[in-house]
Amino acid sequence: MTPRVPFLIVISGPSGAGKTTLIRTLLATVADLAFSVSATTRSPRPTETDGVDYYFLTASGFRERMKTGDFLECAEVYGHWYGTLRGEVEQLLASGKDVVLDIDVQGAAQVRSTGCDAVFVFVMPPSLCQVRERIDARGTEDERTRDRRLKHAPVEVAARAAYDYVICNDRKEDAAGQLAAIVCAERCRTNRQARSTRESGAAGGGKGTAEGADGGNHSPSEGVAVGRVDASGRQQVYAGSRGRQACAAVAGGQGEAGRQPIG
């Protein structure tokens, strides 16, 4: 296998678009992927397990983690806070796997603002009528919550222009195939190949190694974060201060919670 630099796969879409089903299919069919479990302040649904579907935190516990910069991104959605744990993402990337994030458009905007190596995919529902049908079929939201989600769906759909890819989830088999194809194609980009592979041809037959210039043995303690590569080809820790400061500002009352990206 050609050595390469792992990256983030950010997937967003309105409630009822079918993101969860597509992600489960992707993880089951494409190798070397890992799912980043988000943290949330909402209560677990009957079928959800802590640490598997979400990390369920108290509001005070979530705020503390915001203040200490534990989140790569965090946002308030439908009255509850959601966030991606920075440390978990770093560990998964350090293991050599591409990491899938299921986050809303606010969180995706924060990840985009860090400049890290990420691919952004927006999942479109075939129609708002089908969104309503899918939410009703889940049976997990009361009428008020369902109406809030339906009202916000057009706002989320309008944000799709900022994404790299848009998939219309009309037939789940087709949509799942498209998502897998996106991941496979993005892995083949030359900027994601390991330095040793890129230089072996340019060096006129010079010796290359699969490990790259620094041995390629990154561990979580080294802070190998979101797959960014500098001009020399080394994987670097991105300077995610904007994400940290934005979340900390909201936790300290300096930001305004709502539908806008934090910071």
Foldseek 3Di string as FASTA:
>chain_A
DFAWQAFEEEEAAFALLCPVVLVVLLPVPDPQEEEFAKEKQDDDFPVDDDPPNHPHDHPVVVLVCLQVLQFLAWAADLNMIITTGFLVQLQSSLVVGHYYYYDYPLRVVSNVVLVFGYAYEYRYEPDLVSSLVSVVVVVRDDPVSSVSRSVCRVVRVVSRVVGPYYAYPPDVVVSSVVVNVVVVVVCPDPLGGALQVVVCVVVPNDDGDSCHDVRVNDHSVVQQGRRDADPSRDRDRGPSVVNSVQSSCVSVVNFDHDDHRGD
